């Protein structure tokens, strides 16, 4: 991954973090890692814990950002989420996987939040 791509990814994660905070979410963890993988953002709202993957692109030449979240990525997100849950106390919470999909544009940014991934 190039330095440019890492910077775009970090910018997307910062924008996603602000979006979640502005919409009443409490951020529990950022960039949570385990041997199984990484979860970009873990947040909670209304007795629900969200495990969120952030995908950012600067154009739609390669499709929408959320289309990069395939079955393998979802499998790894679930494994990493389970590891997080073993280390924390959210037993009575609902759980959701989500994707925040960003297309960065010089004129305006497009940000979409998808949850209930299967």
N, C-alpha and C. Protein backbone atom coordinates (compact mmCIF):
# COMPACT_ATOMS: atom_id res chain seq x y z
N UNK A 1 0.85 -1.18 0.00
CA UNK A 1 0.00 0.00 0.00
C UNK A 1 0.90 1.24 0.00
N UNK A 2 0.59 2.17 -0.87
CA UNK A 2 1.43 3.36 -0.99
C UNK A 2 1.15 4.36 0.13
N UNK A 3 2.06 5.28 0.30
CA UNK A 3 1.92 6.34 1.29
C UNK A 3 0.65 7.16 1.01
N UNK A 4 0.39 7.42 -0.28
CA UNK A 4 -0.81 8.17 -0.68
C UNK A 4 -2.08 7.43 -0.25
N UNK A 5 -2.12 6.12 -0.49
CA UNK A 5 -3.30 5.34 -0.12
C UNK A 5 -3.50 5.32 1.39
N UNK A 6 -2.40 5.22 2.15
CA UNK A 6 -2.51 5.24 3.61
C UNK A 6 -3.07 6.57 4.09
N UNK A 7 -2.61 7.66 3.48
CA UNK A 7 -3.12 8.98 3.86
C UNK A 7 -4.60 9.13 3.53
N UNK A 8 -5.02 8.63 2.38
CA UNK A 8 -6.44 8.68 2.01
C UNK A 8 -7.25 7.86 3.01
N UNK A 9 -6.74 6.69 3.37
CA UNK A 9 -7.42 5.84 4.35
C UNK A 9 -7.55 6.52 5.70
N UNK A 10 -6.48 7.14 6.16
CA UNK A 10 -6.51 7.84 7.46
C UNK A 10 -7.48 9.02 7.42
N UNK A 11 -7.49 9.75 6.31
CA UNK A 11 -8.42 10.88 6.17
C UNK A 11 -9.86 10.36 6.22
N UNK A 12 -10.12 9.25 5.54
CA UNK A 12 -11.46 8.66 5.57
C UNK A 12 -11.86 8.25 6.97
N UNK A 13 -10.94 7.65 7.71
CA UNK A 13 -11.24 7.24 9.09
C UNK A 13 -11.52 8.45 9.98
N UNK A 14 -10.79 9.54 9.79
CA UNK A 14 -11.04 10.76 10.57
C UNK A 14 -12.43 11.32 10.26
N UNK A 15 -12.80 11.37 8.98
CA UNK A 15 -14.12 11.87 8.60
C UNK A 15 -15.23 10.96 9.14
N UNK A 16 -15.00 9.65 9.09
CA UNK A 16 -15.98 8.70 9.61
C UNK A 16 -16.15 8.87 11.12
N UNK A 17 -15.05 9.08 11.82
CA UNK A 17 -15.08 9.29 13.27
C UNK A 17 -15.90 10.52 13.61
N UNK A 18 -15.68 11.61 12.90
CA UNK A 18 -16.46 12.83 13.14
C UNK A 18 -17.94 12.62 12.82
N UNK A 19 -18.22 11.90 11.73
CA UNK A 19 -19.59 11.59 11.35
C UNK A 19 -20.31 10.84 12.48
N UNK A 20 -19.64 9.82 13.01
CA UNK A 20 -20.24 9.03 14.08
C UNK A 20 -20.48 9.87 15.33
N UNK A 21 -19.49 10.66 15.73
CA UNK A 21 -19.64 11.51 16.91
C UNK A 21 -20.78 12.51 16.73
N UNK A 22 -20.86 13.10 15.54
CA UNK A 22 -21.93 14.07 15.24
C UNK A 22 -23.31 13.43 15.26
N UNK A 23 -23.37 12.11 15.09
CA UNK A 23 -24.64 11.40 15.06
C UNK A 23 -24.90 10.60 16.33
N UNK A 24 -24.24 10.99 17.42
CA UNK A 24 -24.56 10.44 18.73
C UNK A 24 -23.90 9.13 19.10
N UNK A 25 -22.92 8.69 18.34
CA UNK A 25 -22.21 7.46 18.67
C UNK A 25 -21.10 7.76 19.67
N UNK A 26 -20.81 6.81 20.53
CA UNK A 26 -19.66 6.87 21.42
C UNK A 26 -18.60 5.96 20.84
N UNK A 27 -17.40 6.48 20.65
CA UNK A 27 -16.32 5.69 20.08
C UNK A 27 -15.65 4.89 21.18
N UNK A 28 -15.61 3.57 21.01
CA UNK A 28 -14.99 2.69 21.99
C UNK A 28 -13.53 2.41 21.66
N UNK A 29 -13.23 2.16 20.40
CA UNK A 29 -11.86 1.86 19.96
C UNK A 29 -11.67 2.29 18.52
N UNK A 30 -10.45 2.66 18.20
CA UNK A 30 -10.06 2.88 16.81
C UNK A 30 -8.93 1.93 16.48
N UNK A 31 -8.94 1.42 15.27
CA UNK A 31 -7.90 0.51 14.78
C UNK A 31 -7.61 -0.64 15.75
N UNK A 32 -8.66 -1.32 16.16
CA UNK A 32 -8.53 -2.47 17.07
C UNK A 32 -7.95 -3.65 16.29
N UNK A 33 -6.85 -4.21 16.80
CA UNK A 33 -6.16 -5.29 16.09
C UNK A 33 -6.14 -6.58 16.91
N UNK A 34 -6.19 -7.68 16.18
CA UNK A 34 -5.96 -9.00 16.75
C UNK A 34 -5.24 -9.81 15.68
N UNK A 35 -4.92 -11.06 15.98
CA UNK A 35 -4.28 -11.91 14.98
C UNK A 35 -5.20 -12.16 13.79
N UNK A 36 -6.51 -12.07 14.01
CA UNK A 36 -7.46 -12.34 12.94
C UNK A 36 -7.63 -11.17 11.98
N UNK A 37 -7.34 -9.95 12.42
CA UNK A 37 -7.52 -8.80 11.55
C UNK A 37 -7.62 -7.50 12.33
N UNK A 38 -8.20 -6.51 11.68
CA UNK A 38 -8.33 -5.17 12.27
C UNK A 38 -9.75 -4.66 12.03
N UNK A 39 -10.25 -3.93 13.02
CA UNK A 39 -11.52 -3.22 12.88
C UNK A 39 -11.19 -1.74 12.98
N UNK A 40 -11.60 -0.97 11.97
CA UNK A 40 -11.25 0.45 11.92
C UNK A 40 -11.85 1.21 13.10
N UNK A 41 -13.15 1.04 13.33
CA UNK A 41 -13.84 1.76 14.40
C UNK A 41 -14.80 0.84 15.13
N UNK A 42 -14.81 0.95 16.44
CA UNK A 42 -15.81 0.26 17.25
C UNK A 42 -16.54 1.35 18.02
N UNK A 43 -17.86 1.39 17.84
CA UNK A 43 -18.65 2.45 18.45
C UNK A 43 -19.91 1.85 19.07
N UNK A 44 -20.55 2.63 19.94
CA UNK A 44 -21.83 2.17 20.49
C UNK A 44 -22.83 3.31 20.47
N UNK A 45 -24.09 2.89 20.38
CA UNK A 45 -25.21 3.82 20.41
C UNK A 45 -26.46 3.01 20.74
N UNK A 46 -27.23 3.50 21.70
CA UNK A 46 -28.51 2.88 22.05
C UNK A 46 -28.40 1.37 22.29
N UNK A 47 -27.49 0.97 23.15
CA UNK A 47 -27.30 -0.44 23.54
C UNK A 47 -26.95 -1.34 22.35
N UNK A 48 -26.32 -0.78 21.34
CA UNK A 48 -25.83 -1.53 20.20
C UNK A 48 -24.36 -1.20 20.00
N UNK A 49 -23.55 -2.24 19.80
CA UNK A 49 -22.13 -2.05 19.49
C UNK A 49 -21.95 -2.27 18.00
N UNK A 50 -21.30 -1.31 17.34
CA UNK A 50 -21.05 -1.35 15.90
C UNK A 50 -19.57 -1.60 15.65
N UNK A 51 -19.29 -2.58 14.80
CA UNK A 51 -17.93 -2.88 14.36
C UNK A 51 -17.87 -2.38 12.91
N UNK A 52 -17.07 -1.33 12.69
CA UNK A 52 -17.18 -0.57 11.44
C UNK A 52 -15.88 -0.63 10.64
N UNK A 53 -16.03 -0.99 9.38
CA UNK A 53 -14.95 -0.93 8.41
C UNK A 53 -15.13 0.36 7.62
N UNK A 54 -14.06 1.13 7.45
CA UNK A 54 -14.11 2.38 6.69
C UNK A 54 -13.39 2.15 5.37
N UNK A 55 -14.07 2.42 4.28
CA UNK A 55 -13.48 2.30 2.95
C UNK A 55 -13.55 3.66 2.27
N UNK A 56 -12.41 4.12 1.75
CA UNK A 56 -12.31 5.45 1.17
C UNK A 56 -11.67 5.37 -0.21
N UNK A 57 -12.24 6.10 -1.14
CA UNK A 57 -11.67 6.22 -2.48
C UNK A 57 -11.76 7.66 -2.94
N UNK A 58 -10.97 7.98 -3.95
CA UNK A 58 -11.01 9.33 -4.49
C UNK A 58 -11.79 9.40 -5.80
N UNK A 59 -12.17 8.24 -6.32
CA UNK A 59 -13.01 8.20 -7.52
C UNK A 59 -13.76 6.87 -7.54
N UNK A 60 -14.67 6.75 -8.48
CA UNK A 60 -15.44 5.51 -8.62
C UNK A 60 -14.91 4.65 -9.76
N UNK A 61 -13.69 4.93 -10.21
CA UNK A 61 -13.10 4.16 -11.32
C UNK A 61 -13.06 2.67 -11.03
N UNK A 62 -12.85 2.29 -9.77
CA UNK A 62 -12.78 0.88 -9.39
C UNK A 62 -14.03 0.44 -8.65
N UNK A 63 -15.11 1.20 -8.77
CA UNK A 63 -16.37 0.85 -8.11
C UNK A 63 -16.53 1.60 -6.79
N UNK A 64 -17.65 1.35 -6.14
CA UNK A 64 -17.94 1.99 -4.86
C UNK A 64 -17.03 1.40 -3.77
N UNK A 65 -16.64 2.21 -2.81
CA UNK A 65 -15.74 1.71 -1.76
C UNK A 65 -16.28 0.49 -1.01
N UNK A 66 -17.57 0.47 -0.70
CA UNK A 66 -18.13 -0.64 0.06
C UNK A 66 -18.05 -1.97 -0.68
N UNK A 67 -17.91 -1.91 -2.00
CA UNK A 67 -17.82 -3.15 -2.79
C UNK A 67 -16.52 -3.92 -2.51
N UNK A 68 -15.56 -3.28 -1.87
CA UNK A 68 -14.29 -3.94 -1.52
C UNK A 68 -14.43 -4.80 -0.27
N UNK A 69 -15.57 -4.73 0.41
CA UNK A 69 -15.79 -5.56 1.60
C UNK A 69 -16.42 -6.87 1.14
N UNK A 70 -15.57 -7.88 1.01
CA UNK A 70 -16.01 -9.17 0.49
C UNK A 70 -16.23 -10.16 1.64
N UNK A 71 -16.55 -11.41 1.29
CA UNK A 71 -16.84 -12.43 2.30
C UNK A 71 -15.65 -12.67 3.22
N UNK A 72 -14.45 -12.65 2.67
CA UNK A 72 -13.25 -12.85 3.49
C UNK A 72 -13.10 -11.73 4.51
N UNK A 73 -13.31 -10.50 4.08
CA UNK A 73 -13.19 -9.36 5.01
C UNK A 73 -14.26 -9.44 6.09
N UNK A 74 -15.48 -9.79 5.73
CA UNK A 74 -16.56 -9.92 6.71
C UNK A 74 -16.22 -11.03 7.71
N UNK A 75 -15.68 -12.15 7.23
CA UNK A 75 -15.28 -13.24 8.11
C UNK A 75 -14.24 -12.76 9.12
N UNK A 76 -13.24 -12.02 8.65
CA UNK A 76 -12.20 -11.49 9.55
C UNK A 76 -12.75 -10.46 10.52
N UNK A 77 -13.67 -9.63 10.05
CA UNK A 77 -14.30 -8.66 10.96
C UNK A 77 -15.03 -9.38 12.09
N UNK A 78 -15.76 -10.43 11.75
CA UNK A 78 -16.50 -11.19 12.76
C UNK A 78 -15.55 -11.84 13.77
N UNK A 79 -14.46 -12.42 13.29
CA UNK A 79 -13.49 -13.05 14.19
C UNK A 79 -12.87 -12.00 15.12
N UNK A 80 -12.51 -10.86 14.58
CA UNK A 80 -11.90 -9.81 15.39
C UNK A 80 -12.92 -9.24 16.36
N UNK A 81 -14.17 -9.09 15.94
CA UNK A 81 -15.23 -8.61 16.82
C UNK A 81 -15.43 -9.57 17.99
N UNK A 82 -15.41 -10.87 17.71
CA UNK A 82 -15.53 -11.86 18.78
C UNK A 82 -14.40 -11.75 19.79
N UNK A 83 -13.20 -11.51 19.31
CA UNK A 83 -12.05 -11.33 20.20
C UNK A 83 -12.25 -10.09 21.08
N UNK A 84 -12.71 -8.99 20.46
CA UNK A 84 -13.00 -7.77 21.23
C UNK A 84 -14.02 -8.06 22.32
N UNK A 85 -15.07 -8.80 21.97
CA UNK A 85 -16.14 -9.09 22.93
C UNK A 85 -15.65 -9.96 24.09
N UNK A 86 -14.69 -10.84 23.82
CA UNK A 86 -14.12 -11.65 24.89
C UNK A 86 -13.39 -10.79 25.93
N UNK A 87 -12.83 -9.67 25.45
CA UNK A 87 -12.04 -8.81 26.32
C UNK A 87 -12.86 -7.67 26.94
N UNK A 88 -14.13 -7.56 26.62
CA UNK A 88 -14.94 -6.43 27.08
C UNK A 88 -16.25 -6.91 27.70
N UNK A 89 -17.04 -5.96 28.16
CA UNK A 89 -18.27 -6.31 28.88
C UNK A 89 -19.50 -5.73 28.15
N UNK A 90 -19.79 -6.27 26.98
CA UNK A 90 -20.95 -5.82 26.21
C UNK A 90 -21.88 -7.00 25.92
N UNK A 91 -22.09 -7.85 26.91
CA UNK A 91 -22.87 -9.07 26.73
C UNK A 91 -24.35 -8.81 26.42
N UNK A 92 -24.91 -7.74 26.96
CA UNK A 92 -26.34 -7.46 26.77
C UNK A 92 -26.62 -6.48 25.64
N UNK A 93 -25.62 -6.24 24.80
CA UNK A 93 -25.77 -5.30 23.70
C UNK A 93 -26.08 -6.04 22.41
N UNK A 94 -26.81 -5.37 21.52
CA UNK A 94 -26.97 -5.88 20.16
C UNK A 94 -25.65 -5.62 19.45
N UNK A 95 -25.36 -6.41 18.43
CA UNK A 95 -24.11 -6.28 17.69
C UNK A 95 -24.40 -6.08 16.21
N UNK A 96 -23.66 -5.18 15.58
CA UNK A 96 -23.82 -4.95 14.14
C UNK A 96 -22.46 -4.73 13.50
N UNK A 97 -22.32 -5.27 12.29
CA UNK A 97 -21.18 -4.95 11.45
C UNK A 97 -21.63 -3.84 10.51
N UNK A 98 -20.75 -2.91 10.25
CA UNK A 98 -21.11 -1.81 9.35
C UNK A 98 -19.95 -1.37 8.50
N UNK A 99 -20.27 -0.68 7.42
CA UNK A 99 -19.26 -0.10 6.54
C UNK A 99 -19.59 1.37 6.36
N UNK A 100 -18.58 2.20 6.53
CA UNK A 100 -18.72 3.60 6.15
C UNK A 100 -17.94 3.74 4.85
N UNK A 101 -18.63 4.16 3.82
CA UNK A 101 -18.09 4.23 2.47
C UNK A 101 -17.97 5.69 2.07
N UNK A 102 -16.73 6.12 1.78
CA UNK A 102 -16.49 7.51 1.44
C UNK A 102 -15.89 7.65 0.05
N UNK A 103 -16.39 8.61 -0.70
CA UNK A 103 -15.77 9.00 -1.96
C UNK A 103 -15.36 10.45 -1.77
N UNK A 104 -14.06 10.69 -1.70
CA UNK A 104 -13.55 12.03 -1.47
C UNK A 104 -13.48 12.78 -2.80
N UNK A 105 -13.99 13.99 -2.79
CA UNK A 105 -14.03 14.83 -3.97
C UNK A 105 -13.57 16.22 -3.55
N UNK A 106 -12.89 16.90 -4.43
CA UNK A 106 -12.41 18.25 -4.09
C UNK A 106 -13.56 19.20 -3.78
N UNK A 107 -14.71 18.99 -4.42
CA UNK A 107 -15.83 19.89 -4.23
C UNK A 107 -16.73 19.48 -3.08
N UNK A 108 -17.02 18.19 -2.95
CA UNK A 108 -17.83 17.72 -1.83
C UNK A 108 -17.56 16.24 -1.60
N UNK A 109 -17.67 15.84 -0.36
CA UNK A 109 -17.44 14.44 0.01
C UNK A 109 -18.78 13.72 0.09
N UNK A 110 -18.77 12.47 -0.30
CA UNK A 110 -19.95 11.63 -0.20
C UNK A 110 -19.66 10.57 0.85
N UNK A 111 -20.48 10.53 1.88
CA UNK A 111 -20.28 9.57 2.96
C UNK A 111 -21.56 8.79 3.17
N UNK A 112 -21.47 7.47 3.16
CA UNK A 112 -22.63 6.61 3.37
C UNK A 112 -22.29 5.60 4.47
N UNK A 113 -23.28 5.27 5.30
CA UNK A 113 -23.10 4.30 6.38
C UNK A 113 -24.01 3.11 6.12
N UNK A 114 -23.42 1.93 5.99
CA UNK A 114 -24.16 0.70 5.77
C UNK A 114 -23.97 -0.19 6.98
N UNK A 115 -25.06 -0.75 7.51
CA UNK A 115 -24.91 -1.71 8.60
C UNK A 115 -25.71 -2.96 8.28
N UNK A 116 -25.66 -3.92 9.19
CA UNK A 116 -26.31 -5.22 8.99
C UNK A 116 -25.72 -5.99 7.84
N UNK A 117 -24.40 -6.05 7.78
CA UNK A 117 -23.73 -6.84 6.73
C UNK A 117 -23.91 -8.32 7.01
N UNK A 118 -24.02 -9.09 6.01
CA UNK A 118 -24.09 -10.56 6.15
C UNK A 118 -23.06 -11.19 5.27
